[in-house]
Amino acid sequence: MHHADVFLFLAQARGLTPAAYESEAEGLLENVEGKFRITEVTVRPHITVNGEAELERAREIMEGAEGECFISNSVKSKVKIIAAFSGAPSPK
């Protein structure tokens, strides 16, 4: 499970349903001792929640997801997660 799956699983378990979830990733490829390797992966998830009140809960859940991410815990590359959060405007 990668961070998105973990985040969405944890969010659902805690009663938080994001309005939207998007993510992009990039890798840094370097020549290490004559072999090309991905030495760093940066993941940039953007989570939109239903209103400002859910922002802090979403941030806390993302912190937990980072620690539980199977891929992050399995690869030798450094994995950076730079999350962005926004609150969807409340319907009038």
PDB file of N, CA and C in Angstrom:
ATOM      1  N   MET A   1       0.848  -1.193   0.000  1.00  0.00           N
ATOM      2  CA  MET A   1       0.000   0.000   0.000  1.00  0.00           C
ATOM      3  C   MET A   1       0.883   1.242   0.000  1.00  0.00           C
ATOM      4  N   HIS A   2       0.584   2.181  -0.876  1.00  0.00           N
ATOM      5  CA  HIS A   2       1.354   3.412  -0.843  1.00  0.00           C
ATOM      6  C   HIS A   2       0.603   4.461  -0.037  1.00  0.00           C
ATOM      7  N   HIS A   3       1.198   5.636   0.110  1.00  0.00           N
ATOM      8  CA  HIS A   3       0.671   6.632   1.034  1.00  0.00           C
ATOM      9  C   HIS A   3      -0.771   7.005   0.755  1.00  0.00           C
ATOM     10  N   ALA A   4      -1.175   7.058  -0.538  1.00  0.00           N
ATOM     11  CA  ALA A   4      -2.548   7.434  -0.862  1.00  0.00           C
ATOM     12  C   ALA A   4      -3.523   6.406  -0.324  1.00  0.00           C
ATOM     13  N   ASP A   5      -3.227   5.125  -0.567  1.00  0.00           N
ATOM     14  CA  ASP A   5      -4.094   4.067  -0.071  1.00  0.00           C
ATOM     15  C   ASP A   5      -4.165   4.101   1.452  1.00  0.00           C
ATOM     16  N   VAL A   6      -3.008   4.274   2.090  1.00  0.00           N
ATOM     17  CA  VAL A   6      -2.964   4.303   3.550  1.00  0.00           C
ATOM     18  C   VAL A   6      -3.740   5.507   4.061  1.00  0.00           C
ATOM     19  N   PHE A   7      -3.521   6.673   3.441  1.00  0.00           N
ATOM     20  CA  PHE A   7      -4.238   7.866   3.881  1.00  0.00           C
ATOM     21  C   PHE A   7      -5.741   7.676   3.761  1.00  0.00           C
ATOM     22  N   LEU A   8      -6.196   7.208   2.596  1.00  0.00           N
ATOM     23  CA  LEU A   8      -7.637   7.052   2.384  1.00  0.00           C
ATOM     24  C   LEU A   8      -8.234   6.006   3.314  1.00  0.00           C
ATOM     25  N   PHE A   9      -7.490   4.928   3.575  1.00  0.00           N
ATOM     26  CA  PHE A   9      -7.952   3.901   4.504  1.00  0.00           C
ATOM     27  C   PHE A   9      -8.085   4.481   5.919  1.00  0.00           C
ATOM     28  N   LEU A  10      -7.045   5.184   6.379  1.00  0.00           N
ATOM     29  CA  LEU A  10      -7.084   5.772   7.717  1.00  0.00           C
ATOM     30  C   LEU A  10      -8.172   6.837   7.825  1.00  0.00           C
ATOM     31  N   ALA A  11      -8.324   7.634   6.769  1.00  0.00           N
ATOM     32  CA  ALA A  11      -9.346   8.683   6.783  1.00  0.00           C
ATOM     33  C   ALA A  11     -10.739   8.067   6.913  1.00  0.00           C
ATOM     34  N   GLN A  12     -11.000   7.032   6.120  1.00  0.00           N
ATOM     35  CA  GLN A  12     -12.312   6.385   6.170  1.00  0.00           C
ATOM     36  C   GLN A  12     -12.560   5.783   7.552  1.00  0.00           C
ATOM     37  N   ALA A  13     -11.513   5.167   8.124  1.00  0.00           N
ATOM     38  CA  ALA A  13     -11.661   4.554   9.451  1.00  0.00           C
ATOM     39  C   ALA A  13     -11.974   5.608  10.512  1.00  0.00           C
ATOM     40  N   ARG A  14     -11.548   6.841  10.280  1.00  0.00           N
ATOM     41  CA  ARG A  14     -11.782   7.918  11.258  1.00  0.00           C
ATOM     42  C   ARG A  14     -12.941   8.816  10.867  1.00  0.00           C
ATOM     43  N   GLY A  15     -13.725   8.370   9.884  1.00  0.00           N
ATOM     44  CA  GLY A  15     -14.931   9.103   9.514  1.00  0.00           C
ATOM     45  C   GLY A  15     -14.695  10.351   8.695  1.00  0.00           C
ATOM     46  N   LEU A  16     -13.535  10.443   8.037  1.00  0.00           N
ATOM     47  CA  LEU A  16     -13.226  11.604   7.205  1.00  0.00           C
ATOM     48  C   LEU A  16     -13.233  11.180   5.744  1.00  0.00           C
ATOM     49  N   THR A  17     -14.100  11.785   4.950  1.00  0.00           N
ATOM     50  CA  THR A  17     -14.149  11.483   3.521  1.00  0.00           C
ATOM     51  C   THR A  17     -13.696  12.715   2.750  1.00  0.00           C
ATOM     52  N   PRO A  18     -12.490  12.684   2.165  1.00  0.00           N
ATOM     53  CA  PRO A  18     -12.013  13.850   1.419  1.00  0.00           C
ATOM     54  C   PRO A  18     -12.908  14.159   0.223  1.00  0.00           C
ATOM     55  N   ALA A  19     -13.007  15.453  -0.100  1.00  0.00           N
ATOM     56  CA  ALA A  19     -13.766  15.858  -1.289  1.00  0.00           C
ATOM     57  C   ALA A  19     -12.989  15.499  -2.548  1.00  0.00           C
ATOM     58  N   ALA A  20     -11.648  15.519  -2.452  1.00  0.00           N
ATOM     59  CA  ALA A  20     -10.807  15.175  -3.602  1.00  0.00           C
ATOM     60  C   ALA A  20      -9.429  14.768  -3.103  1.00  0.00           C
ATOM     61  N   TYR A  21      -8.768  13.909  -3.889  1.00  0.00           N
ATOM     62  CA  TYR A  21      -7.400  13.494  -3.577  1.00  0.00           C
ATOM     63  C   TYR A  21      -6.639  13.359  -4.880  1.00  0.00           C
ATOM     64  N   GLU A  22      -5.570  14.132  -5.022  1.00  0.00           N
ATOM     65  CA  GLU A  22      -4.708  14.052  -6.192  1.00  0.00           C
ATOM     66  C   GLU A  22      -3.275  13.908  -5.701  1.00  0.00           C
ATOM     67  N   SER A  23      -2.442  13.261  -6.506  1.00  0.00           N
ATOM     68  CA  SER A  23      -1.064  13.073  -6.097  1.00  0.00           C
ATOM     69  C   SER A  23      -0.171  13.006  -7.325  1.00  0.00           C
ATOM     70  N   GLU A  24       1.018  13.574  -7.196  1.00  0.00           N
ATOM     71  CA  GLU A  24       2.020  13.432  -8.251  1.00  0.00           C
ATOM     72  C   GLU A  24       3.346  13.099  -7.586  1.00  0.00           C
ATOM     73  N   ALA A  25       4.198  12.419  -8.322  1.00  0.00           N
ATOM     74  CA  ALA A  25       5.480  11.997  -7.764  1.00  0.00           C
ATOM     75  C   ALA A  25       6.575  12.197  -8.795  1.00  0.00           C
ATOM     76  N   GLU A  26       7.780  12.393  -8.285  1.00  0.00           N
ATOM     77  CA  GLU A  26       8.945  12.483  -9.168  1.00  0.00           C
ATOM     78  C   GLU A  26      10.116  11.798  -8.485  1.00  0.00           C
ATOM     79  N   GLY A  27      11.011  11.271  -9.292  1.00  0.00           N
ATOM     80  CA  GLY A  27      12.170  10.576  -8.756  1.00  0.00           C
ATOM     81  C   GLY A  27      13.463  11.233  -9.204  1.00  0.00           C
ATOM     82  N   LEU A  28      14.478  11.157  -8.364  1.00  0.00           N
ATOM     83  CA  LEU A  28      15.807  11.666  -8.690  1.00  0.00           C
ATOM     84  C   LEU A  28      16.684  10.479  -9.058  1.00  0.00           C
ATOM     85  N   LEU A  29      17.138  10.439 -10.314  1.00  0.00           N
ATOM     86  CA  LEU A  29      17.966   9.349 -10.816  1.00  0.00           C
ATOM     87  C   LEU A  29      19.426   9.800 -10.786  1.00  0.00           C
ATOM     88  N   GLU A  30      20.274   9.040 -10.090  1.00  0.00           N
ATOM     89  CA  GLU A  30      21.684   9.398  -9.979  1.00  0.00           C
ATOM     90  C   GLU A  30      22.545   8.182 -10.275  1.00  0.00           C
ATOM     91  N   ASN A  31      23.761   8.475 -10.723  1.00  0.00           N
ATOM     92  CA  ASN A  31      24.736   7.422 -10.964  1.00  0.00           C
ATOM     93  C   ASN A  31      25.477   7.168  -9.652  1.00  0.00           C
ATOM     94  N   VAL A  32      25.225   6.012  -9.064  1.00  0.00           N
ATOM     95  CA  VAL A  32      25.841   5.651  -7.791  1.00  0.00           C
ATOM     96  C   VAL A  32      26.745   4.449  -8.028  1.00  0.00           C
ATOM     97  N   GLU A  33      28.046   4.664  -7.910  1.00  0.00           N
ATOM     98  CA  GLU A  33      29.039   3.601  -8.088  1.00  0.00           C
ATOM     99  C   GLU A  33      28.867   2.879  -9.424  1.00  0.00           C
ATOM    100  N   GLY A  34      28.639   3.683 -10.480  1.00  0.00           N
ATOM    101  CA  GLY A  34      28.547   3.122 -11.823  1.00  0.00           C
ATOM    102  C   GLY A  34      27.176   2.586 -12.204  1.00  0.00           C
ATOM    103  N   LYS A  35      26.196   2.671 -11.327  1.00  0.00           N
ATOM    104  CA  LYS A  35      24.841   2.196 -11.643  1.00  0.00           C
ATOM    105  C   LYS A  35      23.847   3.328 -11.397  1.00  0.00           C
ATOM    106  N   PHE A  36      22.903   3.446 -12.338  1.00  0.00           N
ATOM    107  CA  PHE A  36      21.866   4.453 -12.154  1.00  0.00           C
ATOM    108  C   PHE A  36      20.824   3.934 -11.171  1.00  0.00           C
ATOM    109  N   ARG A  37      20.534   4.771 -10.180  1.00  0.00           N
ATOM    110  CA  ARG A  37      19.558   4.394  -9.161  1.00  0.00           C
ATOM    111  C   ARG A  37      18.680   5.598  -8.842  1.00  0.00           C
ATOM    112  N   ILE A  38      17.444   5.318  -8.482  1.00  0.00           N
ATOM    113  CA  ILE A  38      16.582   6.373  -7.969  1.00  0.00           C
ATOM    114  C   ILE A  38      16.942   6.548  -6.501  1.00  0.00           C
ATOM    115  N   THR A  39      17.510   7.705  -6.191  1.00  0.00           N
ATOM    116  CA  THR A  39      18.002   7.934  -4.835  1.00  0.00           C
ATOM    117  C   THR A  39      17.010   8.701  -3.973  1.00  0.00           C
ATOM    118  N   GLU A  40      16.046   9.347  -4.615  1.00  0.00           N
ATOM    119  CA  GLU A  40      15.067  10.113  -3.844  1.00  0.00           C
ATOM    120  C   GLU A  40      13.757  10.163  -4.603  1.00  0.00           C
ATOM    121  N   VAL A  41      12.669  10.003  -3.889  1.00  0.00           N
ATOM    122  CA  VAL A  41      11.334  10.107  -4.467  1.00  0.00           C
ATOM    123  C   VAL A  41      10.593  11.195  -3.697  1.00  0.00           C
ATOM    124  N   THR A  42       9.986  12.123  -4.428  1.00  0.00           N
ATOM    125  CA  THR A  42       9.174  13.168  -3.800  1.00  0.00           C
ATOM    126  C   THR A  42       7.730  12.967  -4.238  1.00  0.00           C
ATOM    127  N   VAL A  43       6.851  12.855  -3.267  1.00  0.00           N
ATOM    128  CA  VAL A  43       5.424  12.668  -3.520  1.00  0.00           C
ATOM    129  C   VAL A  43       4.705  13.916  -3.041  1.00  0.00           C
ATOM    130  N   ARG A  44       3.842  14.449  -3.897  1.00  0.00           N
ATOM    131  CA  ARG A  44       3.100  15.667  -3.553  1.00  0.00           C
ATOM    132  C   ARG A  44       1.595  15.412  -3.627  1.00  0.00           C
ATOM    133  N   PRO A  45       1.031  14.897  -2.539  1.00  0.00           N
ATOM    134  CA  PRO A  45      -0.427  14.729  -2.518  1.00  0.00           C
ATOM    135  C   PRO A  45      -1.122  16.063  -2.242  1.00  0.00           C
ATOM    136  N   HIS A  46      -2.292  16.246  -2.830  1.00  0.00           N
ATOM    137  CA  HIS A  46      -3.124  17.415  -2.543  1.00  0.00           C
ATOM    138  C   HIS A  46      -4.495  16.900  -2.135  1.00  0.00           C
ATOM    139  N   ILE A  47      -4.858  17.169  -0.900  1.00  0.00           N
ATOM    140  CA  ILE A  47      -6.095  16.672  -0.343  1.00  0.00           C
ATOM    141  C   ILE A  47      -7.055  17.833  -0.135  1.00  0.00           C
ATOM    142  N   THR A  48      -8.251  17.711  -0.670  1.00  0.00           N
ATOM    143  CA  THR A  48      -9.296  18.710  -0.442  1.00  0.00           C
ATOM    144  C   THR A  48     -10.328  18.085   0.483  1.00  0.00           C
ATOM    145  N   VAL A  49     -10.613  18.770   1.581  1.00  0.00           N
ATOM    146  CA  VAL A  49     -11.577  18.262   2.548  1.00  0.00           C
ATOM    147  C   VAL A  49     -12.823  19.146   2.538  1.00  0.00           C
ATOM    148  N   ASN A  50     -13.856  18.652   3.167  1.00  0.00           N
ATOM    149  CA  ASN A  50     -15.138  19.348   3.174  1.00  0.00           C
ATOM    150  C   ASN A  50     -15.181  20.371   4.306  1.00  0.00           C
ATOM    151  N   GLY A  51     -14.585  21.514   4.069  1.00  0.00           N
ATOM    152  CA  GLY A  51     -14.631  22.593   5.041  1.00  0.00           C
ATOM    153  C   GLY A  51     -13.361  22.710   5.861  1.00  0.00           C
ATOM    154  N   GLU A  52     -13.152  23.901   6.372  1.00  0.00           N
ATOM    155  CA  GLU A  52     -11.951  24.229   7.138  1.00  0.00           C
ATOM    156  C   GLU A  52     -11.803  23.370   8.389  1.00  0.00           C
ATOM    157  N   ALA A  53     -12.910  22.954   8.973  1.00  0.00           N
ATOM    158  CA  ALA A  53     -12.863  22.212  10.234  1.00  0.00           C
ATOM    159  C   ALA A  53     -12.148  20.868  10.093  1.00  0.00           C
ATOM    160  N   GLU A  54     -12.108  20.310   8.893  1.00  0.00           N
ATOM    161  CA  GLU A  54     -11.497  18.994   8.688  1.00  0.00           C
ATOM    162  C   GLU A  54     -10.007  19.070   8.336  1.00  0.00           C
ATOM    163  N   LEU A  55      -9.470  20.268   8.155  1.00  0.00           N
ATOM    164  CA  LEU A  55      -8.079  20.396   7.718  1.00  0.00           C
ATOM    165  C   LEU A  55      -7.100  19.785   8.716  1.00  0.00           C
ATOM    166  N   GLU A  56      -7.252  20.095   9.998  1.00  0.00           N
ATOM    167  CA  GLU A  56      -6.308  19.592  10.994  1.00  0.00           C
ATOM    168  C   GLU A  56      -6.394  18.070  11.103  1.00  0.00           C
ATOM    169  N   ARG A  57      -7.606  17.521  11.048  1.00  0.00           N
ATOM    170  CA  ARG A  57      -7.755  16.060  11.083  1.00  0.00           C
ATOM    171  C   ARG A  57      -7.053  15.420   9.896  1.00  0.00           C
ATOM    172  N   ALA A  58      -7.177  16.022   8.718  1.00  0.00           N
ATOM    173  CA  ALA A  58      -6.534  15.479   7.515  1.00  0.00           C
ATOM    174  C   ALA A  58      -5.018  15.510   7.661  1.00  0.00           C
ATOM    175  N   ARG A  59      -4.482  16.583   8.224  1.00  0.00           N
ATOM    176  CA  ARG A  59      -3.035  16.674   8.431  1.00  0.00           C
ATOM    177  C   ARG A  59      -2.544  15.582   9.380  1.00  0.00           C
ATOM    178  N   GLU A  60      -3.282  15.352  10.456  1.00  0.00           N
ATOM    179  CA  GLU A  60      -2.900  14.317  11.416  1.00  0.00           C
ATOM    180  C   GLU A  60      -2.940  12.925  10.775  1.00  0.00           C
ATOM    181  N   ILE A  61      -3.956  12.678   9.968  1.00  0.00           N
ATOM    182  CA  ILE A  61      -4.082  11.375   9.296  1.00  0.00           C
ATOM    183  C   ILE A  61      -2.925  11.185   8.314  1.00  0.00           C
ATOM    184  N   MET A  62      -2.534  12.243   7.585  1.00  0.00           N
ATOM    185  CA  MET A  62      -1.430  12.132   6.646  1.00  0.00           C
ATOM    186  C   MET A  62      -0.133  11.792   7.372  1.00  0.00           C
ATOM    187  N   GLU A  63       0.087  12.391   8.542  1.00  0.00           N
ATOM    188  CA  GLU A  63       1.283  12.064   9.316  1.00  0.00           C
ATOM    189  C   GLU A  63       1.316  10.582   9.662  1.00  0.00           C
ATOM    190  N   GLY A  64       0.173  10.013  10.037  1.00  0.00           N
ATOM    191  CA  GLY A  64       0.101   8.586  10.328  1.00  0.00           C
ATOM    192  C   GLY A  64       0.315   7.748   9.089  1.00  0.00           C
ATOM    193  N   ALA A  65      -0.204   8.208   7.948  1.00  0.00           N
ATOM    194  CA  ALA A  65      -0.058   7.467   6.697  1.00  0.00           C
ATOM    195  C   ALA A  65       1.397   7.398   6.266  1.00  0.00           C
ATOM    196  N   GLU A  66       2.145   8.475   6.495  1.00  0.00           N
ATOM    197  CA  GLU A  66       3.561   8.490   6.120  1.00  0.00           C
ATOM    198  C   GLU A  66       4.323   7.394   6.852  1.00  0.00           C
ATOM    199  N   GLY A  67       4.007   7.177   8.113  1.00  0.00           N
ATOM    200  CA  GLY A  67       4.698   6.159   8.899  1.00  0.00           C
ATOM    201  C   GLY A  67       4.314   4.745   8.537  1.00  0.00           C
ATOM    202  N   GLU A  68       3.115   4.566   7.969  1.00  0.00           N
ATOM    203  CA  GLU A  68       2.613   3.234   7.648  1.00  0.00           C
ATOM    204  C   GLU A  68       2.808   2.854   6.180  1.00  0.00           C
ATOM    205  N   CYS A  69       3.339   3.761   5.373  1.00  0.00           N
ATOM    206  CA  CYS A  69       3.446   3.521   3.933  1.00  0.00           C
ATOM    207  C   CYS A  69       4.383   2.354   3.641  1.00  0.00           C
ATOM    208  N   PHE A  70       3.859   1.322   3.013  1.00  0.00           N
ATOM    209  CA  PHE A  70       4.626   0.113   2.704  1.00  0.00           C
ATOM    210  C   PHE A  70       5.794   0.427   1.769  1.00  0.00           C
ATOM    211  N   ILE A  71       5.540   1.234   0.757  1.00  0.00           N
ATOM    212  CA  ILE A  71       6.599   1.542  -0.201  1.00  0.00           C
ATOM    213  C   ILE A  71       7.706   2.347   0.471  1.00  0.00           C
ATOM    214  N   SER A  72       7.347   3.376   1.224  1.00  0.00           N
ATOM    215  CA  SER A  72       8.352   4.188   1.901  1.00  0.00           C
ATOM    216  C   SER A  72       9.206   3.351   2.840  1.00  0.00           C
ATOM    217  N   ASN A  73       8.594   2.367   3.479  1.00  0.00           N
ATOM    218  CA  ASN A  73       9.315   1.533   4.432  1.00  0.00           C
ATOM    219  C   ASN A  73      10.103   0.413   3.761  1.00  0.00           C
ATOM    220  N   SER A  74       9.930   0.229   2.456  1.00  0.00           N
ATOM    221  CA  SER A  74      10.558  -0.896   1.766  1.00  0.00           C
ATOM    222  C   SER A  74      11.695  -0.513   0.828  1.00  0.00           C
ATOM    223  N   VAL A  75      11.695   0.703   0.342  1.00  0.00           N
ATOM    224  CA  VAL A  75      12.708   1.089  -0.645  1.00  0.00           C
ATOM    225  C   VAL A  75      13.906   1.747   0.033  1.00  0.00           C
ATOM    226  N   LYS A  76      15.045   1.684  -0.658  1.00  0.00           N
ATOM    227  CA  LYS A  76      16.261   2.292  -0.126  1.00  0.00           C
ATOM    228  C   LYS A  76      16.297   3.792  -0.388  1.00  0.00           C
ATOM    229  N   SER A  77      15.534   4.244  -1.362  1.00  0.00           N
ATOM    230  CA  SER A  77      15.515   5.661  -1.695  1.00  0.00           C
ATOM    231  C   SER A  77      14.905   6.468  -0.558  1.00  0.00           C
ATOM    232  N   LYS A  78      15.361   7.701  -0.459  1.00  0.00           N
ATOM    233  CA  LYS A  78      14.736   8.622   0.479  1.00  0.00           C
ATOM    234  C   LYS A  78      13.389   9.012  -0.109  1.00  0.00           C
ATOM    235  N   VAL A  79      12.331   8.984   0.703  1.00  0.00           N
ATOM    236  CA  VAL A  79      10.995   9.354   0.239  1.00  0.00           C
ATOM    237  C   VAL A  79      10.551  10.594   0.999  1.00  0.00           C
ATOM    238  N   LYS A  80      10.283  11.668   0.255  1.00  0.00           N
ATOM    239  CA  LYS A  80       9.769  12.899   0.853  1.00  0.00           C
ATOM    240  C   LYS A  80       8.312  13.041   0.457  1.00  0.00           C
ATOM    241  N   ILE A  81       7.471  13.348   1.430  1.00  0.00           N
ATOM    242  CA  ILE A  81       6.059  13.594   1.146  1.00  0.00           C
ATOM    243  C   ILE A  81       5.775  15.046   1.492  1.00  0.00           C
ATOM    244  N   ILE A  82       5.351  15.798   0.496  1.00  0.00           N
ATOM    245  CA  ILE A  82       5.040  17.214   0.679  1.00  0.00           C
ATOM    246  C   ILE A  82       3.544  17.363   0.404  1.00  0.00           C
ATOM    247  N   ALA A  83       2.759  17.332   1.466  1.00  0.00           N
ATOM    248  CA  ALA A  83       1.307  17.352   1.318  1.00  0.00           C
ATOM    249  C   ALA A  83       0.776  18.774   1.325  1.00  0.00           C
ATOM    250  N   ALA A  84      -0.254  19.010   0.516  1.00  0.00           N
ATOM    251  CA  ALA A  84      -0.966  20.279   0.501  1.00  0.00           C
ATOM    252  C   ALA A  84      -2.418  19.985   0.824  1.00  0.00           C
ATOM    253  N   PHE A  85      -3.014  20.833   1.627  1.00  0.00           N
ATOM    254  CA  PHE A  85      -4.396  20.632   2.039  1.00  0.00           C
ATOM    255  C   PHE A  85      -5.211  21.882   1.717  1.00  0.00           C
ATOM    256  N   SER A  86      -6.479  21.676   1.376  1.00  0.00           N
ATOM    257  CA  SER A  86      -7.362  22.807   1.186  1.00  0.00           C
ATOM    258  C   SER A  86      -8.768  22.406   1.610  1.00  0.00           C
ATOM    259  N   GLY A  87      -9.524  23.384   2.029  1.00  0.00           N
ATOM    260  CA  GLY A  87     -10.895  23.132   2.441  1.00  0.00           C
ATOM    261  C   GLY A  87     -11.844  23.566   1.348  1.00  0.00           C
ATOM    262  N   ALA A  88     -12.748  22.677   0.974  1.00  0.00           N
ATOM    263  CA  ALA A  88     -13.751  23.015  -0.030  1.00  0.00           C
ATOM    264  C   ALA A  88     -14.728  23.989   0.585  1.00  0.00           C
ATOM    265  N   PRO A  89     -15.209  24.967  -0.177  1.00  0.00           N
ATOM    266  CA  PRO A  89     -16.182  25.906   0.377  1.00  0.00           C
ATOM    267  C   PRO A  89     -17.474  25.184   0.760  1.00  0.00           C
ATOM    268  N   SER A  90     -18.041  25.569   1.873  1.00  0.00           N
ATOM    269  CA  SER A  90     -19.291  24.953   2.332  1.00  0.00           C
ATOM    270  C   SER A  90     -20.428  25.374   1.420  1.00  0.00           C
ATOM    271  N   PRO A  91     -21.291  24.410   1.044  1.00  0.00           N
ATOM    272  CA  PRO A  91     -22.437  24.769   0.181  1.00  0.00           C
ATOM    273  C   PRO A  91     -23.389  25.709   0.921  1.00  0.00           C
ATOM    274  N   LYS A  92     -23.916  26.671   0.196  1.00  0.00           N
ATOM    275  CA  LYS A  92     -24.821  27.661   0.820  1.00  0.00           C
ATOM    276  C   LYS A  92     -26.252  27.196   0.768  1.00  0.00           C
TER     277      LYS A  92
END
